[in-house]
PDB file of N, CA and C in Angstrom:
ATOM      1  N   MET A   1       0.837  -1.187   0.000  1.00  0.00           N
ATOM      2  CA  MET A   1       0.000   0.000   0.000  1.00  0.00           C
ATOM      3  C   MET A   1       0.881   1.250   0.000  1.00  0.00           C
ATOM      4  N   ASN A   2       0.636   2.138  -0.926  1.00  0.00           N
ATOM      5  CA  ASN A   2       1.363   3.399  -0.975  1.00  0.00           C
ATOM      6  C   ASN A   2       0.543   4.471  -0.263  1.00  0.00           C
ATOM      7  N   PRO A   3       1.085   5.013   0.817  1.00  0.00           N
ATOM      8  CA  PRO A   3       0.343   6.078   1.501  1.00  0.00           C
ATOM      9  C   PRO A   3       0.283   7.325   0.619  1.00  0.00           C
ATOM     10  N   GLU A   4      -0.864   7.997   0.662  1.00  0.00           N
ATOM     11  CA  GLU A   4      -1.035   9.210  -0.128  1.00  0.00           C
ATOM     12  C   GLU A   4      -0.258  10.348   0.515  1.00  0.00           C
ATOM     13  N   GLN A   5       0.488  11.069  -0.288  1.00  0.00           N
ATOM     14  CA  GLN A   5       1.275  12.189   0.224  1.00  0.00           C
ATOM     15  C   GLN A   5       0.350  13.394   0.422  1.00  0.00           C
ATOM     16  N   ILE A   6       0.460  14.013   1.594  1.00  0.00           N
ATOM     17  CA  ILE A   6      -0.335  15.202   1.898  1.00  0.00           C
ATOM     18  C   ILE A   6       0.476  16.424   1.473  1.00  0.00           C
ATOM     19  N   ASN A   7      -0.049  17.126   0.471  1.00  0.00           N
ATOM     20  CA  ASN A   7       0.592  18.339  -0.036  1.00  0.00           C
ATOM     21  C   ASN A   7      -0.494  19.200  -0.680  1.00  0.00           C
ATOM     22  N   ALA A   8      -0.099  20.292  -1.298  1.00  0.00           N
ATOM     23  CA  ALA A   8      -1.072  21.197  -1.908  1.00  0.00           C
ATOM     24  C   ALA A   8      -1.892  20.489  -2.986  1.00  0.00           C
ATOM     25  N   GLU A   9      -1.261  19.638  -3.761  1.00  0.00           N
ATOM     26  CA  GLU A   9      -1.969  18.902  -4.812  1.00  0.00           C
ATOM     27  C   GLU A   9      -3.027  17.969  -4.226  1.00  0.00           C
ATOM     28  N   PHE A  10      -2.734  17.381  -3.075  1.00  0.00           N
ATOM     29  CA  PHE A  10      -3.711  16.536  -2.380  1.00  0.00           C
ATOM     30  C   PHE A  10      -5.001  17.308  -2.126  1.00  0.00           C
ATOM     31  N   PHE A  11      -4.872  18.520  -1.590  1.00  0.00           N
ATOM     32  CA  PHE A  11      -6.060  19.314  -1.287  1.00  0.00           C
ATOM     33  C   PHE A  11      -6.789  19.749  -2.554  1.00  0.00           C
ATOM     34  N   TYR A  12      -6.037  20.078  -3.585  1.00  0.00           N
ATOM     35  CA  TYR A  12      -6.662  20.423  -4.859  1.00  0.00           C
ATOM     36  C   TYR A  12      -7.497  19.248  -5.376  1.00  0.00           C
ATOM     37  N   ARG A  13      -6.917  18.056  -5.397  1.00  0.00           N
ATOM     38  CA  ARG A  13      -7.627  16.864  -5.898  1.00  0.00           C
ATOM     39  C   ARG A  13      -8.865  16.561  -5.065  1.00  0.00           C
ATOM     40  N   LYS A  14      -8.733  16.647  -3.744  1.00  0.00           N
ATOM     41  CA  LYS A  14      -9.866  16.329  -2.863  1.00  0.00           C
ATOM     42  C   LYS A  14     -11.015  17.319  -3.056  1.00  0.00           C
ATOM     43  N   ILE A  15     -10.690  18.608  -3.106  1.00  0.00           N
ATOM     44  CA  ILE A  15     -11.733  19.626  -3.256  1.00  0.00           C
ATOM     45  C   ILE A  15     -12.364  19.541  -4.643  1.00  0.00           C
ATOM     46  N   GLU A  16     -11.566  19.293  -5.654  1.00  0.00           N
ATOM     47  CA  GLU A  16     -12.093  19.103  -7.012  1.00  0.00           C
ATOM     48  C   GLU A  16     -13.045  17.910  -7.048  1.00  0.00           C
ATOM     49  N   ALA A  17     -12.679  16.812  -6.383  1.00  0.00           N
ATOM     50  CA  ALA A  17     -13.544  15.629  -6.338  1.00  0.00           C
ATOM     51  C   ALA A  17     -14.851  15.940  -5.600  1.00  0.00           C
ATOM     52  N   CYS A  18     -14.773  16.703  -4.535  1.00  0.00           N
ATOM     53  CA  CYS A  18     -15.995  17.109  -3.818  1.00  0.00           C
ATOM     54  C   CYS A  18     -16.910  17.900  -4.734  1.00  0.00           C
ATOM     55  N   TRP A  19     -16.324  18.830  -5.484  1.00  0.00           N
ATOM     56  CA  TRP A  19     -17.105  19.671  -6.384  1.00  0.00           C
ATOM     57  C   TRP A  19     -17.748  18.834  -7.497  1.00  0.00           C
ATOM     58  N   GLN A  20     -17.009  17.910  -8.069  1.00  0.00           N
ATOM     59  CA  GLN A  20     -17.576  17.052  -9.119  1.00  0.00           C
ATOM     60  C   GLN A  20     -18.742  16.225  -8.576  1.00  0.00           C
ATOM     61  N   TYR A  21     -18.591  15.710  -7.361  1.00  0.00           N
ATOM     62  CA  TYR A  21     -19.657  14.917  -6.753  1.00  0.00           C
ATOM     63  C   TYR A  21     -20.896  15.767  -6.472  1.00  0.00           C
ATOM     64  N   ARG A  22     -20.693  16.972  -5.929  1.00  0.00           N
ATOM     65  CA  ARG A  22     -21.850  17.845  -5.645  1.00  0.00           C
ATOM     66  C   ARG A  22     -22.603  18.189  -6.926  1.00  0.00           C
ATOM     67  N   GLN A  23     -21.849  18.427  -8.007  1.00  0.00           N
ATOM     68  CA  GLN A  23     -22.496  18.735  -9.282  1.00  0.00           C
ATOM     69  C   GLN A  23     -23.325  17.554  -9.785  1.00  0.00           C
ATOM     70  N   LYS A  24     -22.819  16.335  -9.607  1.00  0.00           N
ATOM     71  CA  LYS A  24     -23.588  15.149 -10.005  1.00  0.00           C
ATOM     72  C   LYS A  24     -24.901  15.065  -9.246  1.00  0.00           C
ATOM     73  N   LEU A  25     -24.877  15.565  -8.001  1.00  0.00           N
ATOM     74  CA  LEU A  25     -26.097  15.557  -7.186  1.00  0.00           C
ATOM     75  C   LEU A  25     -27.033  16.726  -7.520  1.00  0.00           C
ATOM     76  N   GLY A  26     -26.578  17.634  -8.379  1.00  0.00           N
ATOM     77  CA  GLY A  26     -27.401  18.760  -8.785  1.00  0.00           C
ATOM     78  C   GLY A  26     -27.116  20.052  -8.056  1.00  0.00           C
ATOM     79  N   TYR A  27     -26.091  20.068  -7.215  1.00  0.00           N
ATOM     80  CA  TYR A  27     -25.737  21.295  -6.493  1.00  0.00           C
ATOM     81  C   TYR A  27     -24.707  22.064  -7.312  1.00  0.00           C
ATOM     82  N   VAL A  28     -25.113  23.227  -7.806  1.00  0.00           N
ATOM     83  CA  VAL A  28     -24.190  24.010  -8.618  1.00  0.00           C
ATOM     84  C   VAL A  28     -24.013  25.434  -8.097  1.00  0.00           C
ATOM     85  N   GLU A  29     -24.900  25.887  -7.230  1.00  0.00           N
ATOM     86  CA  GLU A  29     -24.783  27.248  -6.717  1.00  0.00           C
ATOM     87  C   GLU A  29     -24.477  27.274  -5.222  1.00  0.00           C
ATOM     88  N   ASN A  30     -25.400  26.790  -4.415  1.00  0.00           N
ATOM     89  CA  ASN A  30     -25.256  26.852  -2.962  1.00  0.00           C
ATOM     90  C   ASN A  30     -25.247  25.440  -2.397  1.00  0.00           C
ATOM     91  N   CYS A  31     -24.193  25.123  -1.646  1.00  0.00           N
ATOM     92  CA  CYS A  31     -24.119  23.784  -1.066  1.00  0.00           C
ATOM     93  C   CYS A  31     -22.997  23.729  -0.039  1.00  0.00           C
ATOM     94  N   ARG A  32     -23.020  22.673   0.751  1.00  0.00           N
ATOM     95  CA  ARG A  32     -21.853  22.356   1.568  1.00  0.00           C
ATOM     96  C   ARG A  32     -20.917  21.589   0.651  1.00  0.00           C
ATOM     97  N   LEU A  33     -19.817  22.214   0.320  1.00  0.00           N
ATOM     98  CA  LEU A  33     -18.864  21.632  -0.624  1.00  0.00           C
ATOM     99  C   LEU A  33     -18.049  20.519   0.021  1.00  0.00           C
ATOM    100  N   VAL A  34     -17.612  20.734   1.263  1.00  0.00           N
ATOM    101  CA  VAL A  34     -16.800  19.744   1.968  1.00  0.00           C
ATOM    102  C   VAL A  34     -17.441  19.443   3.321  1.00  0.00           C
ATOM    103  N   PHE A  35     -17.722  18.176   3.548  1.00  0.00           N
ATOM    104  CA  PHE A  35     -18.327  17.681   4.784  1.00  0.00           C
ATOM    105  C   PHE A  35     -17.296  16.981   5.667  1.00  0.00           C
ATOM    106  N   GLY A  36     -16.134  17.563   5.859  1.00  0.00           N
ATOM    107  CA  GLY A  36     -15.140  17.015   6.772  1.00  0.00           C
ATOM    108  C   GLY A  36     -14.803  15.564   6.511  1.00  0.00           C
ATOM    109  N   GLU A  37     -14.980  14.751   7.550  1.00  0.00           N
ATOM    110  CA  GLU A  37     -14.611  13.335   7.509  1.00  0.00           C
ATOM    111  C   GLU A  37     -15.304  12.591   6.381  1.00  0.00           C
ATOM    112  N   ALA A  38     -16.546  12.938   6.074  1.00  0.00           N
ATOM    113  CA  ALA A  38     -17.293  12.249   5.024  1.00  0.00           C
ATOM    114  C   ALA A  38     -16.635  12.411   3.657  1.00  0.00           C
ATOM    115  N   ASP A  39     -15.874  13.485   3.484  1.00  0.00           N
ATOM    116  CA  ASP A  39     -15.175  13.726   2.223  1.00  0.00           C
ATOM    117  C   ASP A  39     -13.675  13.457   2.333  1.00  0.00           C
ATOM    118  N   GLY A  40     -13.265  12.795   3.397  1.00  0.00           N
ATOM    119  CA  GLY A  40     -11.857  12.464   3.559  1.00  0.00           C
ATOM    120  C   GLY A  40     -10.991  13.645   3.956  1.00  0.00           C
ATOM    121  N   LEU A  41     -11.619  14.702   4.482  1.00  0.00           N
ATOM    122  CA  LEU A  41     -10.893  15.899   4.925  1.00  0.00           C
ATOM    123  C   LEU A  41     -11.338  16.246   6.350  1.00  0.00           C
ATOM    124  N   PRO A  42     -10.911  15.461   7.329  1.00  0.00           N
ATOM    125  CA  PRO A  42     -11.368  15.649   8.708  1.00  0.00           C
ATOM    126  C   PRO A  42     -11.165  17.072   9.211  1.00  0.00           C
ATOM    127  N   SER A  43     -12.169  17.573   9.890  1.00  0.00           N
ATOM    128  CA  SER A  43     -12.200  18.887  10.539  1.00  0.00           C
ATOM    129  C   SER A  43     -12.176  20.057   9.553  1.00  0.00           C
ATOM    130  N   LEU A  44     -12.514  19.790   8.283  1.00  0.00           N
ATOM    131  CA  LEU A  44     -12.626  20.859   7.289  1.00  0.00           C
ATOM    132  C   LEU A  44     -14.065  20.952   6.803  1.00  0.00           C
ATOM    133  N   ILE A  45     -14.620  22.143   6.892  1.00  0.00           N
ATOM    134  CA  ILE A  45     -15.952  22.418   6.371  1.00  0.00           C
ATOM    135  C   ILE A  45     -15.822  23.580   5.399  1.00  0.00           C
ATOM    136  N   ILE A  46     -16.389  23.411   4.210  1.00  0.00           N
ATOM    137  CA  ILE A  46     -16.432  24.504   3.238  1.00  0.00           C
ATOM    138  C   ILE A  46     -17.853  24.585   2.694  1.00  0.00           C
ATOM    139  N   ASP A  47     -18.447  25.767   2.814  1.00  0.00           N
ATOM    140  CA  ASP A  47     -19.766  26.026   2.250  1.00  0.00           C
ATOM    141  C   ASP A  47     -19.615  26.942   1.048  1.00  0.00           C
ATOM    142  N   LYS A  48     -20.400  26.674   0.020  1.00  0.00           N
ATOM    143  CA  LYS A  48     -20.372  27.465  -1.212  1.00  0.00           C
ATOM    144  C   LYS A  48     -21.685  28.229  -1.322  1.00  0.00           C
ATOM    145  N   PHE A  49     -21.575  29.529  -1.460  1.00  0.00           N
ATOM    146  CA  PHE A  49     -22.733  30.394  -1.673  1.00  0.00           C
ATOM    147  C   PHE A  49     -22.483  31.163  -2.963  1.00  0.00           C
ATOM    148  N   ASN A  50     -22.898  30.576  -4.078  1.00  0.00           N
ATOM    149  CA  ASN A  50     -22.616  31.127  -5.405  1.00  0.00           C
ATOM    150  C   ASN A  50     -21.115  31.351  -5.560  1.00  0.00           C
ATOM    151  N   ASP A  51     -20.664  32.595  -5.623  1.00  0.00           N
ATOM    152  CA  ASP A  51     -19.247  32.892  -5.842  1.00  0.00           C
ATOM    153  C   ASP A  51     -18.482  33.194  -4.561  1.00  0.00           C
ATOM    154  N   TYR A  52     -19.079  32.875  -3.425  1.00  0.00           N
ATOM    155  CA  TYR A  52     -18.440  33.119  -2.130  1.00  0.00           C
ATOM    156  C   TYR A  52     -18.368  31.802  -1.362  1.00  0.00           C
ATOM    157  N   PHE A  53     -17.327  31.692  -0.535  1.00  0.00           N
ATOM    158  CA  PHE A  53     -17.110  30.473   0.227  1.00  0.00           C
ATOM    159  C   PHE A  53     -16.897  30.809   1.690  1.00  0.00           C
ATOM    160  N   VAL A  54     -17.325  29.899   2.555  1.00  0.00           N
ATOM    161  CA  VAL A  54     -17.081  30.004   3.992  1.00  0.00           C
ATOM    162  C   VAL A  54     -16.265  28.778   4.379  1.00  0.00           C
ATOM    163  N   LEU A  55     -15.153  29.028   5.047  1.00  0.00           N
ATOM    164  CA  LEU A  55     -14.166  27.995   5.367  1.00  0.00           C
ATOM    165  C   LEU A  55     -14.027  27.857   6.879  1.00  0.00           C
ATOM    166  N   GLN A  56     -14.050  26.614   7.371  1.00  0.00           N
ATOM    167  CA  GLN A  56     -13.768  26.330   8.780  1.00  0.00           C
ATOM    168  C   GLN A  56     -12.711  25.240   8.857  1.00  0.00           C
ATOM    169  N   THR A  57     -11.651  25.511   9.606  1.00  0.00           N
ATOM    170  CA  THR A  57     -10.637  24.500   9.912  1.00  0.00           C
ATOM    171  C   THR A  57     -10.656  24.322  11.422  1.00  0.00           C
ATOM    172  N   MET A  58     -11.075  23.153  11.874  1.00  0.00           N
ATOM    173  CA  MET A  58     -11.323  22.964  13.298  1.00  0.00           C
ATOM    174  C   MET A  58     -10.269  22.135  14.016  1.00  0.00           C
ATOM    175  N   SER A  59      -9.127  21.920  13.371  1.00  0.00           N
ATOM    176  CA  SER A  59      -8.022  21.224  14.037  1.00  0.00           C
ATOM    177  C   SER A  59      -6.711  21.869  13.601  1.00  0.00           C
ATOM    178  N   LEU A  60      -5.700  21.687  14.407  1.00  0.00           N
ATOM    179  CA  LEU A  60      -4.385  22.234  14.078  1.00  0.00           C
ATOM    180  C   LEU A  60      -3.864  21.651  12.770  1.00  0.00           C
ATOM    181  N   GLY A  61      -4.033  20.349  12.603  1.00  0.00           N
ATOM    182  CA  GLY A  61      -3.554  19.705  11.386  1.00  0.00           C
ATOM    183  C   GLY A  61      -4.149  20.300  10.130  1.00  0.00           C
ATOM    184  N   MET A  62      -5.449  20.554  10.141  1.00  0.00           N
ATOM    185  CA  MET A  62      -6.095  21.140   8.966  1.00  0.00           C
ATOM    186  C   MET A  62      -5.761  22.621   8.855  1.00  0.00           C
ATOM    187  N   ASP A  63      -5.651  23.310   9.972  1.00  0.00           N
ATOM    188  CA  ASP A  63      -5.344  24.737   9.957  1.00  0.00           C
ATOM    189  C   ASP A  63      -3.981  25.001   9.317  1.00  0.00           C
ATOM    190  N   LEU A  64      -3.043  24.088   9.506  1.00  0.00           N
ATOM    191  CA  LEU A  64      -1.711  24.248   8.918  1.00  0.00           C
ATOM    192  C   LEU A  64      -1.748  24.230   7.384  1.00  0.00           C
ATOM    193  N   TRP A  65      -2.806  23.651   6.815  1.00  0.00           N
ATOM    194  CA  TRP A  65      -2.947  23.552   5.364  1.00  0.00           C
ATOM    195  C   TRP A  65      -3.916  24.585   4.800  1.00  0.00           C
ATOM    196  N   LYS A  66      -4.297  25.560   5.604  1.00  0.00           N
ATOM    197  CA  LYS A  66      -5.293  26.550   5.172  1.00  0.00           C
ATOM    198  C   LYS A  66      -4.877  27.272   3.888  1.00  0.00           C
ATOM    199  N   ASP A  67      -3.626  27.650   3.756  1.00  0.00           N
ATOM    200  CA  ASP A  67      -3.169  28.342   2.538  1.00  0.00           C
ATOM    201  C   ASP A  67      -3.353  27.459   1.303  1.00  0.00           C
ATOM    202  N   ALA A  68      -3.033  26.184   1.420  1.00  0.00           N
ATOM    203  CA  ALA A  68      -3.199  25.263   0.291  1.00  0.00           C
ATOM    204  C   ALA A  68      -4.679  25.088  -0.052  1.00  0.00           C
ATOM    205  N   ILE A  69      -5.525  25.074   0.963  1.00  0.00           N
ATOM    206  CA  ILE A  69      -6.972  24.941   0.744  1.00  0.00           C
ATOM    207  C   ILE A  69      -7.508  26.172   0.028  1.00  0.00           C
ATOM    208  N   VAL A  70      -7.106  27.348   0.482  1.00  0.00           N
ATOM    209  CA  VAL A  70      -7.530  28.595  -0.157  1.00  0.00           C
ATOM    210  C   VAL A  70      -7.008  28.650  -1.591  1.00  0.00           C
ATOM    211  N   ASP A  71      -5.766  28.240  -1.819  1.00  0.00           N
ATOM    212  CA  ASP A  71      -5.220  28.207  -3.176  1.00  0.00           C
ATOM    213  C   ASP A  71      -6.038  27.281  -4.077  1.00  0.00           C
ATOM    214  N   ALA A  72      -6.418  26.123  -3.553  1.00  0.00           N
ATOM    215  CA  ALA A  72      -7.230  25.184  -4.334  1.00  0.00           C
ATOM    216  C   ALA A  72      -8.581  25.808  -4.685  1.00  0.00           C
ATOM    217  N   LEU A  73      -9.218  26.456  -3.714  1.00  0.00           N
ATOM    218  CA  LEU A  73     -10.504  27.112  -3.993  1.00  0.00           C
ATOM    219  C   LEU A  73     -10.343  28.188  -5.063  1.00  0.00           C
ATOM    220  N   ASN A  74      -9.276  28.951  -4.976  1.00  0.00           N
ATOM    221  CA  ASN A  74      -9.032  30.001  -5.974  1.00  0.00           C
ATOM    222  C   ASN A  74      -8.795  29.416  -7.363  1.00  0.00           C
ATOM    223  N   LYS A  75      -8.075  28.313  -7.456  1.00  0.00           N
ATOM    224  CA  LYS A  75      -7.809  27.690  -8.755  1.00  0.00           C
ATOM    225  C   LYS A  75      -9.064  27.068  -9.357  1.00  0.00           C
ATOM    226  N   ILE A  76      -9.849  26.404  -8.535  1.00  0.00           N
ATOM    227  CA  ILE A  76     -11.021  25.681  -9.038  1.00  0.00           C
ATOM    228  C   ILE A  76     -12.174  26.634  -9.350  1.00  0.00           C
ATOM    229  N   PHE A  77     -12.400  27.616  -8.482  1.00  0.00           N
ATOM    230  CA  PHE A  77     -13.618  28.436  -8.583  1.00  0.00           C
ATOM    231  C   PHE A  77     -13.388  29.903  -8.952  1.00  0.00           C
ATOM    232  N   LYS A  78     -12.206  30.446  -8.682  1.00  0.00           N
ATOM    233  CA  LYS A  78     -11.965  31.887  -8.845  1.00  0.00           C
ATOM    234  C   LYS A  78     -13.076  32.684  -8.142  1.00  0.00           C
ATOM    235  N   PRO A  79     -13.241  32.467  -6.833  1.00  0.00           N
ATOM    236  CA  PRO A  79     -14.356  33.087  -6.107  1.00  0.00           C
ATOM    237  C   PRO A  79     -14.193  34.595  -5.929  1.00  0.00           C
ATOM    238  N   LYS A  80     -15.310  35.236  -5.641  1.00  0.00           N
ATOM    239  CA  LYS A  80     -15.291  36.673  -5.320  1.00  0.00           C
ATOM    240  C   LYS A  80     -14.797  36.895  -3.907  1.00  0.00           C
ATOM    241  N   GLY A  81     -14.966  35.892  -3.039  1.00  0.00           N
ATOM    242  CA  GLY A  81     -14.503  36.023  -1.676  1.00  0.00           C
ATOM    243  C   GLY A  81     -14.512  34.700  -0.930  1.00  0.00           C
ATOM    244  N   ILE A  82     -13.619  34.611   0.049  1.00  0.00           N
ATOM    245  CA  ILE A  82     -13.557  33.451   0.941  1.00  0.00           C
ATOM    246  C   ILE A  82     -13.559  34.000   2.361  1.00  0.00           C
ATOM    247  N   TYR A  83     -14.549  33.590   3.138  1.00  0.00           N
ATOM    248  CA  TYR A  83     -14.691  34.063   4.511  1.00  0.00           C
ATOM    249  C   TYR A  83     -14.258  32.956   5.464  1.00  0.00           C
ATOM    250  N   GLU A  84     -13.332  33.272   6.334  1.00  0.00           N
ATOM    251  CA  GLU A  84     -12.879  32.316   7.342  1.00  0.00           C
ATOM    252  C   GLU A  84     -13.780  32.461   8.566  1.00  0.00           C
ATOM    253  N   ARG A  85     -14.471  31.401   8.917  1.00  0.00           N
ATOM    254  CA  ARG A  85     -15.353  31.430  10.077  1.00  0.00           C
ATOM    255  C   ARG A  85     -14.850  30.410  11.096  1.00  0.00           C
ATOM    256  N   ASN A  86     -13.758  30.744  11.713  1.00  0.00           N
ATOM    257  CA  ASN A  86     -13.147  29.877  12.707  1.00  0.00           C
ATOM    258  C   ASN A  86     -13.409  30.433  14.100  1.00  0.00           C
ATOM    259  N   ASP A  87     -14.694  30.501  14.433  1.00  0.00           N
ATOM    260  CA  ASP A  87     -15.095  31.049  15.730  1.00  0.00           C
ATOM    261  C   ASP A  87     -15.759  29.980  16.601  1.00  0.00           C
ATOM    262  N   VAL A  88     -15.305  28.746  16.449  1.00  0.00           N
ATOM    263  CA  VAL A  88     -15.875  27.644  17.220  1.00  0.00           C
ATOM    264  C   VAL A  88     -14.942  27.288  18.381  1.00  0.00           C
ATOM    265  N   PRO A  89     -15.500  27.079  19.565  1.00  0.00           N
ATOM    266  CA  PRO A  89     -14.672  26.803  20.753  1.00  0.00           C
ATOM    267  C   PRO A  89     -13.777  25.570  20.630  1.00  0.00           C
ATOM    268  N   VAL A  90     -14.145  24.609  19.809  1.00  0.00           N
ATOM    269  CA  VAL A  90     -13.337  23.389  19.680  1.00  0.00           C
ATOM    270  C   VAL A  90     -11.916  23.714  19.212  1.00  0.00           C
ATOM    271  N   ARG A  91     -11.734  24.819  18.522  1.00  0.00           N
ATOM    272  CA  ARG A  91     -10.385  25.214  18.070  1.00  0.00           C
ATOM    273  C   ARG A  91      -9.458  25.457  19.256  1.00  0.00           C
ATOM    274  N   GLU A  92     -10.000  25.949  20.352  1.00  0.00           N
ATOM    275  CA  GLU A  92      -9.172  26.224  21.533  1.00  0.00           C
ATOM    276  C   GLU A  92      -8.578  24.942  22.114  1.00  0.00           C
ATOM    277  N   LEU A  93      -9.263  23.810  21.943  1.00  0.00           N
ATOM    278  CA  LEU A  93      -8.728  22.530  22.401  1.00  0.00           C
ATOM    279  C   LEU A  93      -7.462  22.158  21.638  1.00  0.00           C
ATOM    280  N   GLU A  94      -7.311  22.711  20.440  1.00  0.00           N
ATOM    281  CA  GLU A  94      -6.143  22.464  19.597  1.00  0.00           C
ATOM    282  C   GLU A  94      -5.098  23.569  19.753  1.00  0.00           C
ATOM    283  N   GLY A  95      -5.348  24.524  20.655  1.00  0.00           N
ATOM    284  CA  GLY A  95      -4.424  25.631  20.849  1.00  0.00           C
ATOM    285  C   GLY A  95      -4.554  26.722  19.804  1.00  0.00           C
ATOM    286  N   LEU A  96      -5.687  26.739  19.111  1.00  0.00           N
ATOM    287  CA  LEU A  96      -5.917  27.715  18.046  1.00  0.00           C
ATOM    288  C   LEU A  96      -6.847  28.818  18.533  1.00  0.00           C
ATOM    289  N   GLU A  97      -6.639  30.007  18.013  1.00  0.00           N
ATOM    290  CA  GLU A  97      -7.517  31.111  18.370  1.00  0.00           C
ATOM    291  C   GLU A  97      -8.804  31.039  17.553  1.00  0.00           C
ATOM    292  N   GLN A  98      -9.851  31.667  18.100  1.00  0.00           N
ATOM    293  CA  GLN A  98     -11.091  31.812  17.352  1.00  0.00           C
ATOM    294  C   GLN A  98     -10.983  33.105  16.540  1.00  0.00           C
ATOM    295  N   LYS A  99     -11.419  33.051  15.272  1.00  0.00           N
ATOM    296  CA  LYS A  99     -11.370  34.268  14.465  1.00  0.00           C
ATOM    297  C   LYS A  99     -12.346  34.178  13.298  1.00  0.00           C
ATOM    298  N   LYS A 100     -12.716  35.350  12.800  1.00  0.00           N
ATOM    299  CA  LYS A 100     -13.566  35.470  11.622  1.00  0.00           C
ATOM    300  C   LYS A 100     -12.977  36.596  10.770  1.00  0.00           C
ATOM    301  N   ASP A 101     -12.825  36.329   9.464  1.00  0.00           N
ATOM    302  CA  ASP A 101     -12.256  37.353   8.603  1.00  0.00           C
ATOM    303  C   ASP A 101     -12.299  36.882   7.148  1.00  0.00           C
ATOM    304  N   PHE A 102     -12.242  37.814   6.206  1.00  0.00           N
ATOM    305  CA  PHE A 102     -12.127  37.472   4.793  1.00  0.00           C
ATOM    306  C   PHE A 102     -10.685  37.189   4.460  1.00  0.00           C
TER     307      PHE A 102
END
């Protein structure tokens, strides 16, 4: 078994696969794009509202890859905006601050 390497390309492929699956289900404008563990991206939630996205990273491991996730969203969608909504108390258990910002 070859373990999958976690890098920027990994996140691009995973998010692209999520988007292709949502489109097959008929979601093209507003949807939850990434459902964390269900999409193989634990502690990551991404909601799509037309050309805007809301991003939550609820663990240190996922937070460390936030730049790669944002880059993937920009490459796949070219959004008008990405809003970080990391204001959930569970982040403090990981030593992360709560914050909200574009």
